[in-house]
Structure formats: C-alpha cells, structure tokens
N, C-alpha and C. Protein backbone atom coordinates (compact mmCIF):
# COMPACT_ATOMS: atom_id res chain seq x y z
N MET A 1 -47.91 -2.19 11.57
CA MET A 1 -47.57 -1.66 10.05
C MET A 1 -46.48 -0.76 10.58
N LYS A 2 -46.85 0.70 10.80
CA LYS A 2 -45.69 2.09 11.68
C LYS A 2 -44.72 0.94 12.09
N ILE A 3 -44.70 0.37 13.05
CA ILE A 3 -43.47 -0.22 13.72
C ILE A 3 -42.62 -1.37 12.85
N ARG A 4 -42.77 -1.52 12.02
CA ARG A 4 -41.87 -2.07 10.37
C ARG A 4 -41.62 -0.84 9.94
N HIS A 5 -42.15 -0.47 9.70
CA HIS A 5 -41.54 0.91 8.85
C HIS A 5 -40.24 1.92 10.18
N LEU A 6 -40.91 2.14 11.55
CA LEU A 6 -40.27 2.32 12.23
C LEU A 6 -38.43 1.26 11.83
N ILE A 7 -39.08 0.13 12.02
CA ILE A 7 -37.88 -0.54 12.05
C ILE A 7 -36.64 -0.70 10.91
N LEU A 8 -37.54 -0.38 9.88
CA LEU A 8 -36.60 -0.22 7.99
C LEU A 8 -35.91 1.35 8.15
N ILE A 9 -36.33 1.46 8.99
CA ILE A 9 -35.82 3.58 9.16
C ILE A 9 -34.76 2.93 9.58
N ALA A 10 -34.77 2.66 11.25
CA ALA A 10 -33.89 2.24 12.07
C ALA A 10 -32.38 1.54 11.71
N PHE A 11 -32.80 0.77 11.01
CA PHE A 11 -31.83 -0.64 10.11
C PHE A 11 -31.31 0.26 8.48
N LEU A 12 -31.68 1.03 8.03
CA LEU A 12 -31.07 2.07 6.96
C LEU A 12 -30.29 3.01 7.54
N ILE A 13 -30.51 3.80 8.64
CA ILE A 13 -30.12 4.82 9.38
C ILE A 13 -28.87 3.88 9.91
N PHE A 14 -29.00 2.66 10.57
CA PHE A 14 -27.48 1.62 11.29
C PHE A 14 -26.84 1.98 10.19
N SER A 15 -27.19 1.27 8.83
CA SER A 15 -26.87 0.51 8.08
C SER A 15 -25.48 1.83 7.21
N TYR A 16 -25.88 2.77 7.11
CA TYR A 16 -25.47 4.06 6.87
C TYR A 16 -24.21 4.74 7.70
N ALA A 17 -24.49 4.41 8.99
CA ALA A 17 -23.29 4.73 9.92
C ALA A 17 -22.59 3.93 9.71
N VAL A 18 -22.73 2.69 9.76
CA VAL A 18 -21.52 1.69 9.75
C VAL A 18 -21.37 1.32 8.78
N ASN A 19 -21.24 2.25 7.58
CA ASN A 19 -20.46 1.93 5.97
C ASN A 19 -19.85 3.09 5.89
N ALA A 20 -20.70 4.38 6.82
CA ALA A 20 -19.94 5.74 6.81
C ALA A 20 -18.49 5.95 7.23
N GLN A 21 -18.39 4.89 8.76
CA GLN A 21 -17.16 4.64 9.75
C GLN A 21 -16.67 4.10 8.57
N GLN A 22 -16.98 2.99 8.10
CA GLN A 22 -15.47 1.93 7.44
C GLN A 22 -15.24 2.48 6.41
N ALA A 23 -15.39 3.40 5.90
CA ALA A 23 -15.19 5.31 4.68
C ALA A 23 -14.19 5.65 5.79
N ASP A 24 -14.97 5.82 6.59
CA ASP A 24 -13.86 7.03 7.23
C ASP A 24 -12.57 6.12 7.81
N ARG A 25 -12.75 5.07 7.97
CA ARG A 25 -11.13 4.51 9.28
C ARG A 25 -10.45 4.00 7.79
N TRP A 26 -10.58 3.83 6.39
CA TRP A 26 -9.07 4.61 5.28
C TRP A 26 -9.42 5.32 4.88
N ALA A 27 -10.24 6.43 5.59
CA ALA A 27 -9.99 8.04 4.83
C ALA A 27 -8.49 8.04 4.21
N ASN A 28 -7.00 7.45 4.77
CA ASN A 28 -6.28 8.75 4.72
C ASN A 28 -5.37 7.28 3.92
N LEU A 29 -5.98 6.14 3.51
CA LEU A 29 -5.33 5.59 2.10
C LEU A 29 -6.62 5.60 0.73
N MET A 30 -7.07 6.68 0.75
CA MET A 30 -8.24 6.32 -0.37
C MET A 30 -7.40 6.75 -1.53
N LEU A 31 -6.67 8.36 -1.17
CA LEU A 31 -5.38 8.49 -1.99
C LEU A 31 -5.24 7.10 -3.22
N LEU A 32 -4.62 6.36 -2.88
CA LEU A 32 -3.83 5.32 -3.18
C LEU A 32 -4.80 3.93 -4.17
N VAL A 33 -5.93 4.18 -3.77
CA VAL A 33 -7.28 3.16 -4.23
C VAL A 33 -6.92 3.45 -6.02
N GLY A 34 -7.27 2.50 -6.56
CA GLY A 34 -7.27 2.23 -8.20
C GLY A 34 -5.76 1.67 -8.70
N SER A 35 -5.46 2.07 -9.67
CA SER A 35 -4.56 1.71 -10.34
C SER A 35 -3.51 2.20 -10.86
N TRP A 36 -1.98 2.31 -10.54
CA TRP A 36 -0.84 2.80 -10.85
C TRP A 36 -0.24 2.33 -11.83
N SER A 37 0.64 3.04 -13.15
CA SER A 37 1.86 2.43 -13.97
C SER A 37 3.13 3.56 -13.76
N GLY A 38 4.28 3.63 -14.26
CA GLY A 38 4.91 4.17 -13.71
C GLY A 38 6.82 4.05 -13.59
N GLU A 39 7.25 4.57 -14.07
CA GLU A 39 9.03 4.55 -13.92
C GLU A 39 9.74 4.78 -13.18
N GLY A 40 10.90 3.91 -13.25
CA GLY A 40 11.86 5.03 -12.01
C GLY A 40 13.16 4.06 -12.05
N SER A 41 13.99 4.26 -11.31
CA SER A 41 15.31 3.77 -11.75
C SER A 41 16.06 3.54 -10.49
N GLY A 42 17.32 3.27 -9.88
CA GLY A 42 17.82 3.30 -8.38
C GLY A 42 18.96 1.78 -8.47
N MET A 43 19.48 0.88 -7.77
CA MET A 43 19.92 0.68 -7.69
C MET A 43 19.93 -0.79 -8.31
N ALA A 44 18.77 -0.69 -8.31
CA ALA A 44 17.94 -2.22 -9.08
C ALA A 44 18.41 -1.85 -10.70
N GLY A 45 18.16 -0.96 -11.24
CA GLY A 45 18.41 -0.24 -12.63
C GLY A 45 17.30 0.26 -12.47
N GLU A 46 17.34 0.25 -14.50
CA GLU A 46 15.79 1.16 -14.90
C GLU A 46 14.61 0.76 -15.06
N GLY A 47 13.33 0.80 -14.98
CA GLY A 47 12.61 0.03 -15.34
C GLY A 47 11.07 0.42 -15.31
N THR A 48 10.08 -0.53 -15.08
CA THR A 48 8.04 0.38 -14.54
C THR A 48 7.86 -0.74 -13.89
N ASP A 49 6.70 -0.32 -13.15
CA ASP A 49 6.20 -1.01 -12.86
C ASP A 49 4.95 0.24 -12.30
N ILE A 50 4.21 -1.32 -11.49
CA ILE A 50 2.60 -1.18 -11.84
C ILE A 50 2.13 -1.11 -10.35
N PHE A 51 1.47 -1.04 -10.47
CA PHE A 51 0.63 -1.33 -8.85
C PHE A 51 -0.79 -0.76 -8.60
N SER A 52 -1.92 -1.82 -8.11
CA SER A 52 -3.47 -1.01 -7.58
C SER A 52 -3.40 -1.16 -5.74
N PHE A 53 -4.16 -0.62 -5.78
CA PHE A 53 -4.82 -0.99 -4.21
C PHE A 53 -6.61 -1.24 -4.31
N THR A 54 -7.16 -2.50 -3.83
CA THR A 54 -8.46 -2.39 -4.07
C THR A 54 -8.84 -3.17 -2.70
N PHE A 55 -10.43 -3.03 -2.41
CA PHE A 55 -10.46 -3.10 -1.58
C PHE A 55 -11.40 -5.13 -1.08
N ASP A 56 -11.01 -5.90 0.11
CA ASP A 56 -11.97 -6.66 -0.11
C ASP A 56 -12.04 -7.43 0.84
N LEU A 57 -13.03 -8.21 1.23
CA LEU A 57 -13.94 -8.54 2.68
C LEU A 57 -14.61 -7.83 3.16
N GLU A 58 -15.94 -6.81 2.80
CA GLU A 58 -16.23 -5.74 2.87
C GLU A 58 -15.67 -5.04 3.23
N GLN A 59 -14.43 -4.36 3.00
CA GLN A 59 -13.73 -3.06 3.19
C GLN A 59 -13.27 -3.41 4.31
N LYS A 60 -12.73 -4.60 4.60
CA LYS A 60 -12.03 -5.16 6.21
C LYS A 60 -10.74 -4.71 5.97
N ILE A 61 -9.84 -5.57 4.41
CA ILE A 61 -9.06 -5.48 4.32
C ILE A 61 -8.56 -4.54 2.51
N LEU A 62 -7.11 -4.48 2.89
CA LEU A 62 -7.08 -3.33 1.95
C LEU A 62 -6.18 -4.59 1.21
N ILE A 63 -5.59 -3.91 -0.13
CA ILE A 63 -5.10 -5.19 -1.16
C ILE A 63 -4.47 -4.34 -2.24
N ARG A 64 -2.73 -4.65 -2.23
CA ARG A 64 -1.97 -4.32 -2.87
C ARG A 64 -1.62 -5.06 -3.86
N LYS A 65 -1.36 -5.41 -5.43
CA LYS A 65 -1.22 -6.37 -5.85
C LYS A 65 0.24 -4.87 -6.81
N SER A 66 1.59 -5.94 -7.16
CA SER A 66 2.41 -4.37 -8.46
C SER A 66 3.43 -6.25 -8.54
N GLN A 67 3.76 -5.00 -9.99
CA GLN A 67 4.59 -5.79 -10.45
C GLN A 67 5.91 -4.48 -10.68
N ALA A 68 6.99 -4.66 -10.44
CA ALA A 68 7.80 -4.10 -11.41
C ALA A 68 8.99 -4.71 -11.97
N ASP A 69 9.61 -4.14 -12.73
CA ASP A 69 10.37 -4.80 -14.23
C ASP A 69 11.83 -4.03 -13.86
N TYR A 70 12.58 -4.17 -13.42
CA TYR A 70 14.02 -3.88 -13.46
C TYR A 70 14.93 -4.28 -13.50
N GLY A 71 15.76 -3.92 -14.53
CA GLY A 71 17.60 -4.10 -15.31
C GLY A 71 17.91 -3.97 -16.57
N THR A 72 18.84 -4.76 -16.63
CA THR A 72 18.61 -4.22 -18.21
C THR A 72 17.73 -5.23 -19.25
N ASN A 73 17.72 -4.79 -20.55
CA ASN A 73 16.78 -5.62 -21.34
C ASN A 73 17.24 -6.56 -22.02
N SER A 74 18.12 -7.17 -21.48
CA SER A 74 18.45 -8.29 -21.26
C SER A 74 17.23 -9.68 -20.47
N LEU A 75 16.90 -10.16 -20.92
CA LEU A 75 16.27 -11.02 -19.71
C LEU A 75 16.51 -12.05 -18.75
N LYS A 76 18.26 -12.62 -18.62
CA LYS A 76 19.02 -13.10 -17.82
C LYS A 76 19.15 -11.72 -17.04
N ASP A 77 19.21 -10.79 -16.49
CA ASP A 77 20.05 -9.44 -15.56
C ASP A 77 18.51 -9.34 -15.47
N ARG A 78 17.73 -9.19 -16.36
CA ARG A 78 16.20 -8.60 -14.85
C ARG A 78 15.98 -9.39 -14.13
N ASN A 79 15.42 -8.14 -13.45
CA ASN A 79 14.41 -8.42 -12.16
C ASN A 79 13.35 -7.93 -11.98
N ILE A 80 12.28 -9.05 -11.73
CA ILE A 80 10.66 -8.88 -12.11
C ILE A 80 10.62 -9.39 -10.85
N THR A 81 9.99 -8.07 -10.14
CA THR A 81 9.59 -8.86 -8.63
C THR A 81 7.79 -8.09 -8.75
N GLU A 82 6.94 -9.87 -8.31
CA GLU A 82 5.41 -9.58 -8.06
C GLU A 82 5.18 -9.20 -6.64
N GLU A 83 4.65 -8.68 -6.13
CA GLU A 83 3.92 -8.22 -4.74
C GLU A 83 2.35 -8.29 -4.40
N LEU A 84 2.21 -9.46 -3.16
CA LEU A 84 0.84 -8.92 -2.23
C LEU A 84 1.05 -8.41 -1.06
N MET A 85 0.47 -7.37 -0.78
CA MET A 85 0.25 -6.72 0.37
C MET A 85 -1.29 -6.76 0.61
N ILE A 86 -0.81 -6.56 2.05
CA ILE A 86 -2.52 -7.24 2.87
C ILE A 86 -2.10 -6.06 4.08
N ILE A 87 -3.36 -5.17 3.73
CA ILE A 87 -3.10 -3.60 4.71
C ILE A 87 -4.17 -4.58 5.75
N TYR A 88 -4.27 -4.05 6.89
CA TYR A 88 -5.63 -4.64 7.93
C TYR A 88 -5.87 -3.77 8.86
N LEU A 89 -6.62 -3.70 9.38
CA LEU A 89 -6.58 -2.94 10.53
C LEU A 89 -6.61 -3.77 11.76
N VAL A 90 -6.10 -2.79 12.47
CA VAL A 90 -5.83 -2.91 13.91
C VAL A 90 -6.58 -2.07 15.46
N ASP A 91 -7.72 -2.68 16.01
CA ASP A 91 -8.54 -1.12 16.57
C ASP A 91 -9.01 -0.27 15.67
N GLN A 92 -9.37 -0.44 14.87
CA GLN A 92 -10.09 -0.62 13.67
C GLN A 92 -9.64 0.39 13.00
N ILE A 93 -8.51 0.76 12.92
CA ILE A 93 -7.63 1.32 12.17
C ILE A 93 -6.62 0.80 10.88
N PRO A 94 -6.20 1.71 9.74
CA PRO A 94 -5.76 0.75 9.51
C PRO A 94 -3.75 0.45 9.57
N SER A 95 -3.37 0.38 10.02
CA SER A 95 -2.04 0.34 10.67
C SER A 95 -0.95 -0.81 10.61
N ARG A 96 -1.85 -2.04 9.76
CA ARG A 96 -0.54 -3.02 9.83
C ARG A 96 -0.51 -3.18 8.29
N ALA A 97 0.53 -4.04 7.80
CA ALA A 97 0.18 -5.03 6.64
C ALA A 97 1.27 -5.77 6.87
N ILE A 98 1.08 -7.02 5.75
CA ILE A 98 2.22 -7.92 5.61
C ILE A 98 2.08 -8.16 4.07
N CYS A 99 2.90 -7.96 3.81
CA CYS A 99 3.60 -8.76 2.23
C CYS A 99 4.83 -8.78 2.25
N PHE A 100 3.88 -9.74 0.82
CA PHE A 100 4.88 -11.21 0.39
C PHE A 100 5.21 -11.44 -1.02
N ASN A 101 6.24 -11.73 -1.77
CA ASN A 101 6.62 -10.96 -2.81
C ASN A 101 7.19 -12.68 -3.66
N ASN A 102 7.50 -12.92 -4.46
CA ASN A 102 7.58 -14.61 -5.72
C ASN A 102 9.37 -14.41 -5.35
N GLN A 103 10.22 -13.78 -4.61
CA GLN A 103 11.31 -13.56 -4.06
C GLN A 103 11.32 -14.75 -2.80
N GLY A 104 9.96 -14.68 -2.31
CA GLY A 104 10.08 -15.40 -1.37
C GLY A 104 9.99 -15.46 -0.04
N TYR A 105 9.91 -13.84 -0.06
CA TYR A 105 10.30 -12.48 1.38
C TYR A 105 8.89 -12.15 1.90
N THR A 106 8.84 -12.59 2.95
CA THR A 106 7.59 -11.93 3.66
C THR A 106 7.66 -10.76 4.96
N VAL A 107 7.49 -9.70 4.46
CA VAL A 107 8.00 -8.69 5.80
C VAL A 107 6.24 -7.92 5.97
N ASN A 108 6.72 -8.04 7.32
CA ASN A 108 5.55 -7.16 8.18
C ASN A 108 5.74 -6.02 8.34
N TYR A 109 4.97 -4.86 8.18
CA TYR A 109 4.69 -3.42 8.17
C TYR A 109 4.18 -2.75 8.93
N SER A 110 4.70 -1.52 9.87
CA SER A 110 3.57 -0.39 10.16
C SER A 110 3.84 0.68 9.72
N ILE A 111 2.47 1.66 9.47
CA ILE A 111 2.02 2.42 8.51
C ILE A 111 1.96 3.83 9.28
N GLU A 112 2.90 4.87 8.96
CA GLU A 112 2.61 6.19 9.61
C GLU A 112 2.02 6.87 8.16
N TYR A 113 1.06 7.93 8.97
CA TYR A 113 0.54 8.73 7.44
C TYR A 113 0.62 9.80 8.01
N SER A 114 1.26 11.67 6.73
CA SER A 114 1.17 12.56 7.56
C SER A 114 0.33 13.38 5.83
N ASP A 115 0.35 14.29 5.70
CA ASP A 115 -1.02 15.33 4.98
C ASP A 115 -0.28 14.62 3.06
N LYS A 116 1.27 14.68 2.85
CA LYS A 116 1.71 14.15 1.63
C LYS A 116 1.82 13.16 1.68
N SER A 117 1.78 12.03 2.87
CA SER A 117 2.34 10.91 2.22
C SER A 117 2.08 9.90 3.44
N ILE A 118 2.22 8.61 2.48
CA ILE A 118 2.60 7.29 3.36
C ILE A 118 2.98 6.18 3.40
N ILE A 119 4.23 5.95 4.92
CA ILE A 119 5.06 5.38 4.29
C ILE A 119 4.83 3.88 5.70
N PHE A 120 5.15 2.90 4.68
CA PHE A 120 5.52 1.97 5.10
C PHE A 120 6.38 0.99 6.06
N THR A 121 7.03 1.07 6.95
CA THR A 121 8.04 1.22 7.67
C THR A 121 8.29 -0.66 8.46
N SER A 122 9.25 -1.62 7.55
CA SER A 122 8.84 -2.65 8.02
C SER A 122 9.70 -3.32 9.72
N ASP A 123 8.75 -4.20 10.39
CA ASP A 123 9.68 -4.97 11.58
C ASP A 123 10.78 -4.96 11.65
N ARG A 124 11.42 -4.42 12.75
CA ARG A 124 13.14 -5.06 13.33
C ARG A 124 12.88 -5.92 14.00
N ILE A 125 14.46 -6.71 12.65
CA ILE A 125 14.05 -7.96 13.25
C ILE A 125 15.05 -7.67 13.44
N PRO A 126 16.26 -8.40 14.25
CA PRO A 126 17.87 -8.76 14.35
C PRO A 126 18.88 -9.44 13.65
N GLN A 127 19.12 -8.83 12.80
CA GLN A 127 20.69 -9.52 12.08
C GLN A 127 19.55 -9.28 10.26
N THR A 128 18.51 -9.03 10.67
CA THR A 128 17.70 -8.43 9.25
C THR A 128 17.42 -7.14 8.85
N PRO A 129 17.85 -6.92 7.27
CA PRO A 129 17.79 -5.48 7.21
C PRO A 129 16.60 -5.06 7.19
N MET A 130 15.69 -3.97 7.47
CA MET A 130 14.70 -3.32 7.59
C MET A 130 14.39 -2.59 6.08
N PHE A 131 13.46 -2.52 5.85
CA PHE A 131 12.34 -1.65 4.21
C PHE A 131 12.22 -0.98 4.30
N ARG A 132 12.35 0.36 3.65
CA ARG A 132 10.96 1.25 4.19
C ARG A 132 10.05 1.68 3.05
N LEU A 133 9.04 1.83 2.26
CA LEU A 133 7.89 2.00 1.30
C LEU A 133 7.39 2.92 1.40
N SER A 134 7.56 4.39 0.58
CA SER A 134 6.96 5.76 0.84
C SER A 134 6.33 6.04 -0.03
N TYR A 135 4.93 6.34 -0.34
CA TYR A 135 4.37 7.05 -1.53
C TYR A 135 4.28 8.58 -0.74
N ILE A 136 5.01 9.31 -1.78
CA ILE A 136 4.66 11.03 -1.19
C ILE A 136 3.81 11.05 -2.39
N PHE A 137 2.50 12.20 -2.20
CA PHE A 137 2.17 13.07 -3.25
C PHE A 137 1.84 13.78 -3.91
N ILE A 138 2.29 13.95 -5.34
CA ILE A 138 2.52 14.78 -6.21
C ILE A 138 1.27 15.91 -6.33
N ASP A 139 0.26 14.80 -7.03
CA ASP A 139 -1.18 15.23 -6.84
C ASP A 139 -1.83 14.58 -6.87
N SER A 140 -3.51 14.64 -6.64
CA SER A 140 -4.81 13.41 -6.90
C SER A 140 -3.99 12.04 -7.78
N SER A 141 -3.20 12.70 -9.10
CA SER A 141 -3.73 11.05 -9.74
C SER A 141 -2.01 11.08 -10.78
N THR A 142 -0.84 11.56 -8.96
CA THR A 142 0.71 11.40 -9.18
C THR A 142 1.57 11.09 -8.14
N VAL A 143 1.65 9.88 -7.91
CA VAL A 143 2.61 9.27 -6.42
C VAL A 143 4.28 9.26 -7.05
N LYS A 144 5.01 9.84 -5.99
CA LYS A 144 6.51 9.42 -5.91
C LYS A 144 6.70 8.26 -4.98
N VAL A 145 7.29 7.20 -5.80
CA VAL A 145 7.42 5.46 -4.52
C VAL A 145 8.48 5.75 -4.70
N ILE A 146 8.87 5.33 -2.93
CA ILE A 146 10.68 5.08 -2.66
C ILE A 146 10.85 3.73 -2.02
N PHE A 147 11.54 2.64 -2.79
CA PHE A 147 11.85 1.63 -1.88
C PHE A 147 12.98 1.96 -1.50
N GLU A 148 13.28 1.54 0.20
CA GLU A 148 14.27 1.85 0.62
C GLU A 148 14.78 0.76 1.85
N ILE A 149 16.44 0.63 1.74
CA ILE A 149 16.76 -0.56 2.48
C ILE A 149 17.64 -0.46 3.45
N SER A 150 17.23 -0.37 4.83
CA SER A 150 18.46 -0.73 6.13
C SER A 150 18.97 -1.52 6.51
N ARG A 151 20.45 -1.70 6.61
CA ARG A 151 21.07 -2.81 6.85
C ARG A 151 21.68 -2.17 8.69
N ASP A 152 21.40 -1.19 9.04
CA ASP A 152 21.65 -1.26 10.44
C ASP A 152 19.90 0.04 10.80
N GLY A 153 18.93 -0.44 10.62
CA GLY A 153 17.45 0.19 10.93
C GLY A 153 17.24 1.04 11.18
N THR A 154 18.48 2.36 11.02
CA THR A 154 18.15 3.51 11.14
C THR A 154 18.95 4.17 9.73
N ASN A 155 19.53 4.11 8.75
CA ASN A 155 19.87 4.41 7.94
C ASN A 155 19.47 4.24 6.49
N PHE A 156 18.71 4.28 5.91
CA PHE A 156 17.68 4.05 4.79
C PHE A 156 18.57 4.35 3.77
N SER A 157 18.82 4.01 2.39
CA SER A 157 19.37 4.19 1.48
C SER A 157 18.17 3.50 0.26
N PRO A 158 18.17 4.75 -0.70
CA PRO A 158 17.01 4.24 -1.76
C PRO A 158 17.36 3.01 -2.68
N PHE A 159 16.67 2.01 -2.83
CA PHE A 159 17.06 1.05 -3.65
C PHE A 159 16.43 1.47 -5.25
N VAL A 160 15.31 1.65 -4.66
CA VAL A 160 14.50 2.42 -6.63
C VAL A 160 12.96 3.25 -6.05
N GLU A 161 13.61 4.55 -7.25
CA GLU A 161 12.40 5.40 -6.65
C GLU A 161 11.76 5.51 -8.41
N SER A 162 10.52 5.92 -8.24
CA SER A 162 9.13 5.38 -9.52
C SER A 162 8.58 6.61 -9.28
N ILE A 163 8.15 7.55 -10.43
CA ILE A 163 6.65 7.97 -10.38
C ILE A 163 5.55 7.54 -11.50
N ASN A 164 4.17 7.59 -10.48
CA ASN A 164 3.50 6.76 -10.85
C ASN A 164 2.53 7.70 -11.12
N LYS A 165 1.41 7.45 -12.08
CA LYS A 165 0.25 7.90 -12.79
C LYS A 165 -0.86 7.58 -12.49
N ARG A 166 -2.22 7.61 -11.94
CA ARG A 166 -2.99 6.58 -11.60
C ARG A 166 -3.31 6.48 -13.52
N VAL A 167 -3.55 5.18 -13.44
CA VAL A 167 -4.32 4.76 -15.09
C VAL A 167 -6.45 4.51 -14.95
C-alpha cells in the first residue's frame, strides 16, 4: 500500500514539473495569449483588426488567428486579410512560426524577444520581399502592432500600424 502512495506522489510531482516546464518555455509569449481588437492605419488605409493567441496540442503550439479590414468604406476597395499563424518549438524554445493567409501567402518567421516587444521576421528568400511583425507592449492590456515590408531585406517600411486592446 505504501509503494502505491509513493508511486502516486512521484507521478504527481513529475506531472507538476512537466506542466511548469511547458509554461516556462512559453513565458515570453504569455502577454499575447487571449483576444485583442484595435484600429490602425498605414499604406493599406485605415481600418480595424482583431487577433487571438491560443494554445493547442497540449501547449506544443501557439496559434494566432487574425482578421484585418483596411481600406475605404467601399467594398470594392477594401482589403480584408485573414491569417493563421502557428508558433512552434525548436529545441523546446518557441523560436519559429509559419503563417498562412487568404491571399495565398505562406511566410516562415524567426522570433526575437525583448522586455517590451516580440518581433517576427520572415526568412530571407532571394527576389522576395521580407516581412516583420512587431508587438510592442504599452502595458499588459495594450499592444502596438507594426507590420513592415522590406524589398532589400534591410530597410523595412511600415505597411500598417495599430493599437490593440485586450478584449
């Protein structure tokens, strides 16, 4: 009977340690988890965007879903972009992402972290523009999002900037 209790206690301690380790590996991204809504402007025009970050596959991946509606009020000139991004672990660190959108693009990103920002930078592919998606934290419920494009892989120009609030 005592051996069963010891095995149960050992299993519970191991489970707790594994869950704590999984949460720790995502610590840099935890501020983004949840749903966000905001308004912005840029080369795409003025508009709104919504996005969410949720875990899936037992916290093995983090999924970002977004919808941005920029352009004029005319349906003909509007630019509605829907995206699905999967952030995944490399050597137990969330350092890579792949993004798909309704315009047919697939973009692979590397991820950099600082105290106040998370920056996704697309891989360099010859003859192809590069993209940079930055989340700059204003506070725990407000983030500035900047999507930039570079033709030469060095000089990035803002395409759209928005301020988003946690909902």
